[in-house]
């Protein structure tokens, strides 16, 4: 008798069987309410993450795929390049 309760699995199986026998008619309603609760929690977490972010307007957000010139940078002449002269190592 002592070997039956040595591990957690026999107890888990007994609890599952008892739930299926005595709570079977209520299981669909419980699953439905669990699903609704999970959807509510997901939406609340998403809303909490979005609350901390300021709303960006057009032109103020991150720039992707656009060439942006720094306002303090001097305009380049035709012979300015990013490549060093050939004499430099």
PDB file of N, CA and C in Angstrom:
ATOM      1  N   UNK A   1       0.827  -1.188   0.000  1.00  0.00           N
ATOM      2  CA  UNK A   1       0.000   0.000   0.000  1.00  0.00           C
ATOM      3  C   UNK A   1       0.869   1.249   0.000  1.00  0.00           C
ATOM      4  N   UNK A   2       2.009   1.216   0.668  1.00  0.00           N
ATOM      5  CA  UNK A   2       2.886   2.370   0.731  1.00  0.00           C
ATOM      6  C   UNK A   2       3.506   2.705  -0.614  1.00  0.00           C
ATOM      7  N   UNK A   3       3.663   1.726  -1.508  1.00  0.00           N
ATOM      8  CA  UNK A   3       4.303   1.971  -2.806  1.00  0.00           C
ATOM      9  C   UNK A   3       3.373   2.715  -3.763  1.00  0.00           C
ATOM     10  N   UNK A   4       2.091   2.705  -3.518  1.00  0.00           N
ATOM     11  CA  UNK A   4       1.134   3.376  -4.393  1.00  0.00           C
ATOM     12  C   UNK A   4       1.338   4.888  -4.387  1.00  0.00           C
ATOM     13  N   UNK A   5       1.688   5.444  -3.258  1.00  0.00           N
ATOM     14  CA  UNK A   5       1.807   6.895  -3.148  1.00  0.00           C
ATOM     15  C   UNK A   5       3.264   7.366  -3.072  1.00  0.00           C
ATOM     16  N   UNK A   6       4.200   6.592  -3.622  1.00  0.00           N
ATOM     17  CA  UNK A   6       5.611   6.994  -3.618  1.00  0.00           C
ATOM     18  C   UNK A   6       5.858   8.176  -4.550  1.00  0.00           C
ATOM     19  N   UNK A   7       5.243   8.200  -5.702  1.00  0.00           N
ATOM     20  CA  UNK A   7       5.447   9.276  -6.665  1.00  0.00           C
ATOM     21  C   UNK A   7       4.198  10.115  -6.807  1.00  0.00           C
ATOM     22  N   UNK A   8       4.312  11.223  -7.530  1.00  0.00           N
ATOM     23  CA  UNK A   8       3.147  12.097  -7.695  1.00  0.00           C
ATOM     24  C   UNK A   8       2.146  11.601  -8.750  1.00  0.00           C
ATOM     25  N   UNK A   9       2.581  10.734  -9.666  1.00  0.00           N
ATOM     26  CA  UNK A   9       1.702  10.333 -10.772  1.00  0.00           C
ATOM     27  C   UNK A   9       0.466   9.554 -10.337  1.00  0.00           C
ATOM     28  N   UNK A  10       0.555   8.607  -9.419  1.00  0.00           N
ATOM     29  CA  UNK A  10      -0.691   7.919  -9.017  1.00  0.00           C
ATOM     30  C   UNK A  10      -1.722   8.859  -8.417  1.00  0.00           C
ATOM     31  N   UNK A  11      -1.261   9.841  -7.654  1.00  0.00           N
ATOM     32  CA  UNK A  11      -2.200  10.795  -7.051  1.00  0.00           C
ATOM     33  C   UNK A  11      -2.846  11.650  -8.136  1.00  0.00           C
ATOM     34  N   UNK A  12      -2.043  12.078  -9.126  1.00  0.00           N
ATOM     35  CA  UNK A  12      -2.573  12.883 -10.231  1.00  0.00           C
ATOM     36  C   UNK A  12      -3.617  12.092 -11.006  1.00  0.00           C
ATOM     37  N   UNK A  13      -3.343  10.819 -11.270  1.00  0.00           N
ATOM     38  CA  UNK A  13      -4.292   9.975 -12.022  1.00  0.00           C
ATOM     39  C   UNK A  13      -5.585   9.795 -11.237  1.00  0.00           C
ATOM     40  N   UNK A  14      -5.482   9.594  -9.934  1.00  0.00           N
ATOM     41  CA  UNK A  14      -6.688   9.437  -9.098  1.00  0.00           C
ATOM     42  C   UNK A  14      -7.524  10.715  -9.122  1.00  0.00           C
ATOM     43  N   UNK A  15      -6.874  11.874  -9.046  1.00  0.00           N
ATOM     44  CA  UNK A  15      -7.602  13.144  -9.075  1.00  0.00           C
ATOM     45  C   UNK A  15      -8.297  13.340 -10.419  1.00  0.00           C
ATOM     46  N   UNK A  16      -7.609  12.995 -11.527  1.00  0.00           N
ATOM     47  CA  UNK A  16      -8.213  13.146 -12.860  1.00  0.00           C
ATOM     48  C   UNK A  16      -9.420  12.231 -13.012  1.00  0.00           C
ATOM     49  N   UNK A  17      -9.302  10.999 -12.556  1.00  0.00           N
ATOM     50  CA  UNK A  17     -10.430  10.059 -12.653  1.00  0.00           C
ATOM     51  C   UNK A  17     -11.607  10.562 -11.817  1.00  0.00           C
ATOM     52  N   UNK A  18     -11.343  11.069 -10.622  1.00  0.00           N
ATOM     53  CA  UNK A  18     -12.420  11.585  -9.775  1.00  0.00           C
ATOM     54  C   UNK A  18     -13.100  12.787 -10.434  1.00  0.00           C
ATOM     55  N   UNK A  19     -12.306  13.677 -11.048  1.00  0.00           N
ATOM     56  CA  UNK A  19     -12.904  14.821 -11.748  1.00  0.00           C
ATOM     57  C   UNK A  19     -13.773  14.379 -12.913  1.00  0.00           C
ATOM     58  N   UNK A  20     -13.295  13.399 -13.676  1.00  0.00           N
ATOM     59  CA  UNK A  20     -14.092  12.916 -14.807  1.00  0.00           C
ATOM     60  C   UNK A  20     -15.391  12.255 -14.350  1.00  0.00           C
ATOM     61  N   UNK A  21     -15.361  11.553 -13.231  1.00  0.00           N
ATOM     62  CA  UNK A  21     -16.566  10.878 -12.755  1.00  0.00           C
ATOM     63  C   UNK A  21     -17.591  11.843 -12.168  1.00  0.00           C
ATOM     64  N   UNK A  22     -17.131  12.777 -11.357  1.00  0.00           N
ATOM     65  CA  UNK A  22     -18.073  13.616 -10.613  1.00  0.00           C
ATOM     66  C   UNK A  22     -18.330  14.986 -11.245  1.00  0.00           C
ATOM     67  N   UNK A  23     -17.415  15.460 -12.069  1.00  0.00           N
ATOM     68  CA  UNK A  23     -17.576  16.800 -12.625  1.00  0.00           C
ATOM     69  C   UNK A  23     -17.716  16.793 -14.152  1.00  0.00           C
ATOM     70  N   UNK A  24     -17.991  15.654 -14.746  1.00  0.00           N
ATOM     71  CA  UNK A  24     -18.071  15.550 -16.206  1.00  0.00           C
ATOM     72  C   UNK A  24     -19.119  16.488 -16.817  1.00  0.00           C
ATOM     73  N   UNK A  25     -20.308  16.628 -16.245  1.00  0.00           N
ATOM     74  CA  UNK A  25     -21.284  17.538 -16.864  1.00  0.00           C
ATOM     75  C   UNK A  25     -20.856  19.003 -16.840  1.00  0.00           C
ATOM     76  N   UNK A  26     -20.025  19.368 -15.884  1.00  0.00           N
ATOM     77  CA  UNK A  26     -19.612  20.764 -15.754  1.00  0.00           C
ATOM     78  C   UNK A  26     -18.345  21.094 -16.542  1.00  0.00           C
ATOM     79  N   UNK A  27     -17.654  20.083 -17.086  1.00  0.00           N
ATOM     80  CA  UNK A  27     -16.382  20.317 -17.764  1.00  0.00           C
ATOM     81  C   UNK A  27     -16.481  21.265 -18.965  1.00  0.00           C
ATOM     82  N   UNK A  28     -17.480  21.145 -19.862  1.00  0.00           N
ATOM     83  CA  UNK A  28     -17.539  22.095 -20.988  1.00  0.00           C
ATOM     84  C   UNK A  28     -17.698  23.549 -20.546  1.00  0.00           C
ATOM     85  N   UNK A  29     -18.511  23.780 -19.534  1.00  0.00           N
ATOM     86  CA  UNK A  29     -18.689  25.143 -19.042  1.00  0.00           C
ATOM     87  C   UNK A  29     -17.404  25.658 -18.399  1.00  0.00           C
ATOM     88  N   UNK A  30     -16.706  24.773 -17.679  1.00  0.00           N
ATOM     89  CA  UNK A  30     -15.447  25.176 -17.059  1.00  0.00           C
ATOM     90  C   UNK A  30     -14.395  25.500 -18.120  1.00  0.00           C
ATOM     91  N   UNK A  31     -14.330  24.701 -19.174  1.00  0.00           N
ATOM     92  CA  UNK A  31     -13.369  24.951 -20.251  1.00  0.00           C
ATOM     93  C   UNK A  31     -13.701  26.263 -20.969  1.00  0.00           C
ATOM     94  N   UNK A  32     -14.983  26.515 -21.195  1.00  0.00           N
ATOM     95  CA  UNK A  32     -15.406  27.751 -21.854  1.00  0.00           C
ATOM     96  C   UNK A  32     -15.026  28.969 -21.007  1.00  0.00           C
ATOM     97  N   UNK A  33     -15.272  28.889 -19.722  1.00  0.00           N
ATOM     98  CA  UNK A  33     -14.946  30.023 -18.860  1.00  0.00           C
ATOM     99  C   UNK A  33     -13.431  30.201 -18.739  1.00  0.00           C
ATOM    100  N   UNK A  34     -12.677  29.110 -18.772  1.00  0.00           N
ATOM    101  CA  UNK A  34     -11.218  29.211 -18.743  1.00  0.00           C
ATOM    102  C   UNK A  34     -10.706  29.891 -20.016  1.00  0.00           C
ATOM    103  N   UNK A  35     -11.276  29.541 -21.167  1.00  0.00           N
ATOM    104  CA  UNK A  35     -10.896  30.183 -22.424  1.00  0.00           C
ATOM    105  C   UNK A  35     -11.209  31.670 -22.430  1.00  0.00           C
ATOM    106  N   UNK A  36     -12.370  32.046 -21.927  1.00  0.00           N
ATOM    107  CA  UNK A  36     -12.727  33.471 -21.851  1.00  0.00           C
ATOM    108  C   UNK A  36     -11.780  34.218 -20.914  1.00  0.00           C
ATOM    109  N   UNK A  37     -11.429  33.589 -19.813  1.00  0.00           N
ATOM    110  CA  UNK A  37     -10.507  34.224 -18.872  1.00  0.00           C
ATOM    111  C   UNK A  37      -9.143  34.437 -19.506  1.00  0.00           C
ATOM    112  N   UNK A  38      -8.663  33.450 -20.258  1.00  0.00           N
ATOM    113  CA  UNK A  38      -7.369  33.580 -20.918  1.00  0.00           C
ATOM    114  C   UNK A  38      -7.387  34.710 -21.950  1.00  0.00           C
ATOM    115  N   UNK A  39      -8.484  34.838 -22.714  1.00  0.00           N
ATOM    116  CA  UNK A  39      -8.595  35.935 -23.691  1.00  0.00           C
ATOM    117  C   UNK A  39      -8.589  37.289 -22.989  1.00  0.00           C
ATOM    118  N   UNK A  40      -9.284  37.389 -21.874  1.00  0.00           N
ATOM    119  CA  UNK A  40      -9.322  38.655 -21.125  1.00  0.00           C
ATOM    120  C   UNK A  40      -7.933  38.996 -20.598  1.00  0.00           C
ATOM    121  N   UNK A  41      -7.239  38.001 -20.059  1.00  0.00           N
ATOM    122  CA  UNK A  41      -5.899  38.244 -19.524  1.00  0.00           C
ATOM    123  C   UNK A  41      -4.958  38.686 -20.638  1.00  0.00           C
ATOM    124  N   UNK A  42      -5.022  38.033 -21.799  1.00  0.00           N
ATOM    125  CA  UNK A  42      -4.162  38.420 -22.926  1.00  0.00           C
ATOM    126  C   UNK A  42      -4.435  39.854 -23.356  1.00  0.00           C
ATOM    127  N   UNK A  43      -5.701  40.227 -23.453  1.00  0.00           N
ATOM    128  CA  UNK A  43      -6.012  41.587 -23.891  1.00  0.00           C
ATOM    129  C   UNK A  43      -5.572  42.611 -22.849  1.00  0.00           C
ATOM    130  N   UNK A  44      -5.701  42.293 -21.574  1.00  0.00           N
ATOM    131  CA  UNK A  44      -5.273  43.210 -20.520  1.00  0.00           C
ATOM    132  C   UNK A  44      -3.753  43.380 -20.522  1.00  0.00           C
ATOM    133  N   UNK A  45      -3.023  42.291 -20.725  1.00  0.00           N
ATOM    134  CA  UNK A  45      -1.562  42.376 -20.768  1.00  0.00           C
ATOM    135  C   UNK A  45      -1.121  43.205 -21.964  1.00  0.00           C
ATOM    136  N   UNK A  46      -1.770  43.000 -23.105  1.00  0.00           N
ATOM    137  CA  UNK A  46      -1.427  43.785 -24.300  1.00  0.00           C
ATOM    138  C   UNK A  46      -1.721  45.260 -24.070  1.00  0.00           C
ATOM    139  N   UNK A  47      -2.836  45.547 -23.435  1.00  0.00           N
ATOM    140  CA  UNK A  47      -3.203  46.935 -23.161  1.00  0.00           C
ATOM    141  C   UNK A  47      -2.226  47.569 -22.175  1.00  0.00           C
ATOM    142  N   UNK A  48      -1.761  46.811 -21.184  1.00  0.00           N
ATOM    143  CA  UNK A  48      -0.785  47.337 -20.235  1.00  0.00           C
ATOM    144  C   UNK A  48       0.538  47.641 -20.924  1.00  0.00           C
ATOM    145  N   UNK A  49       0.951  46.797 -21.876  1.00  0.00           N
ATOM    146  CA  UNK A  49       2.186  47.050 -22.604  1.00  0.00           C
ATOM    147  C   UNK A  49       2.062  48.302 -23.468  1.00  0.00           C
ATOM    148  N   UNK A  50       0.890  48.503 -24.066  1.00  0.00           N
ATOM    149  CA  UNK A  50       0.677  49.656 -24.945  1.00  0.00           C
ATOM    150  C   UNK A  50       0.481  50.952 -24.162  1.00  0.00           C
ATOM    151  N   UNK A  51       0.092  50.878 -22.890  1.00  0.00           N
ATOM    152  CA  UNK A  51      -0.130  52.084 -22.092  1.00  0.00           C
ATOM    153  C   UNK A  51       1.151  52.880 -21.880  1.00  0.00           C
ATOM    154  N   UNK A  52       2.277  52.218 -21.761  1.00  0.00           N
ATOM    155  CA  UNK A  52       3.529  52.901 -21.494  1.00  0.00           C
ATOM    156  C   UNK A  52       4.143  53.564 -22.712  1.00  0.00           C
ATOM    157  N   UNK A  53       3.707  53.202 -23.901  1.00  0.00           N
ATOM    158  CA  UNK A  53       4.291  53.738 -25.132  1.00  0.00           C
ATOM    159  C   UNK A  53       3.549  55.003 -25.551  1.00  0.00           C
ATOM    160  N   UNK A  54       4.299  56.048 -25.892  1.00  0.00           N
ATOM    161  CA  UNK A  54       3.624  57.238 -26.422  1.00  0.00           C
ATOM    162  C   UNK A  54       3.162  56.979 -27.852  1.00  0.00           C
ATOM    163  N   UNK A  55       2.067  57.620 -28.221  1.00  0.00           N
ATOM    164  CA  UNK A  55       1.563  57.451 -29.574  1.00  0.00           C
ATOM    165  C   UNK A  55       2.443  58.233 -30.537  1.00  0.00           C
ATOM    166  N   UNK A  56       2.870  57.582 -31.620  1.00  0.00           N
ATOM    167  CA  UNK A  56       3.727  58.250 -32.594  1.00  0.00           C
ATOM    168  C   UNK A  56       2.875  58.813 -33.719  1.00  0.00           C
ATOM    169  N   UNK A  57       3.277  59.980 -34.184  1.00  0.00           N
ATOM    170  CA  UNK A  57       2.604  60.592 -35.318  1.00  0.00           C
ATOM    171  C   UNK A  57       3.435  60.319 -36.566  1.00  0.00           C
ATOM    172  N   UNK A  58       2.886  60.604 -37.722  1.00  0.00           N
ATOM    173  CA  UNK A  58       3.615  60.383 -38.964  1.00  0.00           C
ATOM    174  C   UNK A  58       4.887  61.218 -38.972  1.00  0.00           C
ATOM    175  N   UNK A  59       6.005  60.577 -39.299  1.00  0.00           N
ATOM    176  CA  UNK A  59       7.268  61.279 -39.384  1.00  0.00           C
ATOM    177  C   UNK A  59       8.032  61.327 -38.080  1.00  0.00           C
ATOM    178  N   UNK A  60       7.444  60.915 -36.971  1.00  0.00           N
ATOM    179  CA  UNK A  60       8.138  60.959 -35.693  1.00  0.00           C
ATOM    180  C   UNK A  60       8.592  59.582 -35.231  1.00  0.00           C
ATOM    181  N   UNK A  61       8.147  58.541 -35.864  1.00  0.00           N
ATOM    182  CA  UNK A  61       8.486  57.193 -35.437  1.00  0.00           C
ATOM    183  C   UNK A  61       9.850  56.778 -35.950  1.00  0.00           C
ATOM    184  N   UNK A  62      10.213  55.527 -35.752  1.00  0.00           N
ATOM    185  CA  UNK A  62      11.485  55.036 -36.235  1.00  0.00           C
ATOM    186  C   UNK A  62      11.536  55.094 -37.763  1.00  0.00           C
ATOM    187  N   UNK A  63      12.720  55.368 -38.266  1.00  0.00           N
ATOM    188  CA  UNK A  63      12.887  55.505 -39.711  1.00  0.00           C
ATOM    189  C   UNK A  63      13.524  54.229 -40.224  1.00  0.00           C
ATOM    190  N   UNK A  64      12.853  53.567 -41.124  1.00  0.00           N
ATOM    191  CA  UNK A  64      13.374  52.346 -41.705  1.00  0.00           C
ATOM    192  C   UNK A  64      13.371  52.474 -43.214  1.00  0.00           C
ATOM    193  N   UNK A  65      14.501  52.198 -43.817  1.00  0.00           N
ATOM    194  CA  UNK A  65      14.594  52.192 -45.264  1.00  0.00           C
ATOM    195  C   UNK A  65      14.682  53.580 -45.888  1.00  0.00           C
ATOM    196  N   UNK A  66      14.940  54.597 -45.087  1.00  0.00           N
ATOM    197  CA  UNK A  66      15.056  55.956 -45.605  1.00  0.00           C
ATOM    198  C   UNK A  66      16.450  56.478 -45.294  1.00  0.00           C
ATOM    199  N   UNK A  67      17.006  57.283 -46.187  1.00  0.00           N
ATOM    200  CA  UNK A  67      18.282  57.932 -45.946  1.00  0.00           C
ATOM    201  C   UNK A  67      17.991  59.253 -45.260  1.00  0.00           C
ATOM    202  N   UNK A  68      18.559  59.413 -44.090  1.00  0.00           N
ATOM    203  CA  UNK A  68      18.303  60.604 -43.297  1.00  0.00           C
ATOM    204  C   UNK A  68      19.629  61.325 -43.100  1.00  0.00           C
ATOM    205  N   UNK A  69      19.694  62.612 -43.436  1.00  0.00           N
ATOM    206  CA  UNK A  69      20.894  63.403 -43.235  1.00  0.00           C
ATOM    207  C   UNK A  69      20.839  64.066 -41.881  1.00  0.00           C
ATOM    208  N   UNK A  70      21.963  64.016 -41.183  1.00  0.00           N
ATOM    209  CA  UNK A  70      22.055  64.642 -39.867  1.00  0.00           C
ATOM    210  C   UNK A  70      22.071  66.154 -40.056  1.00  0.00           C
ATOM    211  N   UNK A  71      21.340  66.920 -39.232  1.00  0.00           N
ATOM    212  CA  UNK A  71      21.264  68.371 -39.446  1.00  0.00           C
ATOM    213  C   UNK A  71      22.602  69.087 -39.230  1.00  0.00           C
ATOM    214  N   UNK A  72      23.524  68.532 -38.421  1.00  0.00           N
ATOM    215  CA  UNK A  72      24.806  69.190 -38.157  1.00  0.00           C
ATOM    216  C   UNK A  72      25.885  68.806 -39.163  1.00  0.00           C
ATOM    217  N   UNK A  73      25.601  67.902 -40.044  1.00  0.00           N
ATOM    218  CA  UNK A  73      26.601  67.414 -40.994  1.00  0.00           C
ATOM    219  C   UNK A  73      26.744  68.381 -42.165  1.00  0.00           C
ATOM    220  N   UNK A  74      27.998  68.598 -42.600  1.00  0.00           N
ATOM    221  CA  UNK A  74      28.252  69.467 -43.745  1.00  0.00           C
ATOM    222  C   UNK A  74      27.852  68.746 -45.020  1.00  0.00           C
ATOM    223  N   UNK A  75      27.349  69.465 -45.995  1.00  0.00           N
ATOM    224  CA  UNK A  75      27.017  68.803 -47.254  1.00  0.00           C
ATOM    225  C   UNK A  75      28.285  68.317 -47.944  1.00  0.00           C
ATOM    226  N   UNK A  76      28.184  67.157 -48.584  1.00  0.00           N
ATOM    227  CA  UNK A  76      29.342  66.567 -49.251  1.00  0.00           C
ATOM    228  C   UNK A  76      29.536  67.175 -50.629  1.00  0.00           C
ATOM    229  N   UNK A  77      30.812  67.350 -50.981  1.00  0.00           N
ATOM    230  CA  UNK A  77      31.101  67.760 -52.354  1.00  0.00           C
ATOM    231  C   UNK A  77      31.189  66.503 -53.206  1.00  0.00           C
ATOM    232  N   UNK A  78      31.377  66.648 -54.493  1.00  0.00           N
ATOM    233  CA  UNK A  78      31.368  65.514 -55.412  1.00  0.00           C
ATOM    234  C   UNK A  78      32.490  64.534 -55.187  1.00  0.00           C
ATOM    235  N   UNK A  79      33.654  64.954 -54.614  1.00  0.00           N
ATOM    236  CA  UNK A  79      34.775  64.030 -54.468  1.00  0.00           C
ATOM    237  C   UNK A  79      34.907  63.465 -53.056  1.00  0.00           C
ATOM    238  N   UNK A  80      34.019  63.768 -52.140  1.00  0.00           N
ATOM    239  CA  UNK A  80      34.076  63.202 -50.792  1.00  0.00           C
ATOM    240  C   UNK A  80      33.491  61.791 -50.803  1.00  0.00           C
ATOM    241  N   UNK A  81      34.272  60.854 -50.291  1.00  0.00           N
ATOM    242  CA  UNK A  81      33.795  59.466 -50.191  1.00  0.00           C
ATOM    243  C   UNK A  81      34.166  58.907 -48.819  1.00  0.00           C
ATOM    244  N   UNK A  82      33.597  57.793 -48.496  1.00  0.00           N
ATOM    245  CA  UNK A  82      33.917  57.137 -47.228  1.00  0.00           C
ATOM    246  C   UNK A  82      35.143  56.236 -47.368  1.00  0.00           C
ATOM    247  N   UNK A  83      35.695  56.102 -48.576  1.00  0.00           N
ATOM    248  CA  UNK A  83      36.841  55.223 -48.801  1.00  0.00           C
ATOM    249  C   UNK A  83      38.117  56.028 -48.540  1.00  0.00           C
ATOM    250  N   UNK A  84      39.077  55.462 -47.756  1.00  0.00           N
ATOM    251  CA  UNK A  84      40.328  56.199 -47.502  1.00  0.00           C
ATOM    252  C   UNK A  84      41.178  56.280 -48.764  1.00  0.00           C
ATOM    253  N   UNK A  85      42.082  57.258 -48.825  1.00  0.00           N
ATOM    254  CA  UNK A  85      42.952  57.367 -49.993  1.00  0.00           C
ATOM    255  C   UNK A  85      43.820  56.118 -50.150  1.00  0.00           C
ATOM    256  N   UNK A  86      44.319  55.832 -51.371  1.00  0.00           N
ATOM    257  CA  UNK A  86      45.056  54.589 -51.600  1.00  0.00           C
ATOM    258  C   UNK A  86      46.370  54.519 -50.832  1.00  0.00           C
ATOM    259  N   UNK A  87      46.978  55.629 -50.436  1.00  0.00           N
ATOM    260  CA  UNK A  87      48.247  55.609 -49.720  1.00  0.00           C
ATOM    261  C   UNK A  87      48.110  55.214 -48.260  1.00  0.00           C
ATOM    262  N   UNK A  88      46.939  55.192 -47.722  1.00  0.00           N
ATOM    263  CA  UNK A  88      46.730  54.868 -46.312  1.00  0.00           C
ATOM    264  C   UNK A  88      46.565  53.385 -46.100  1.00  0.00           C
ATOM    265  N   UNK A  89      47.015  52.920 -44.962  1.00  0.00           N
ATOM    266  CA  UNK A  89      46.848  51.488 -44.670  1.00  0.00           C
ATOM    267  C   UNK A  89      45.906  51.312 -43.517  1.00  0.00           C
TER     268      UNK A  89
END
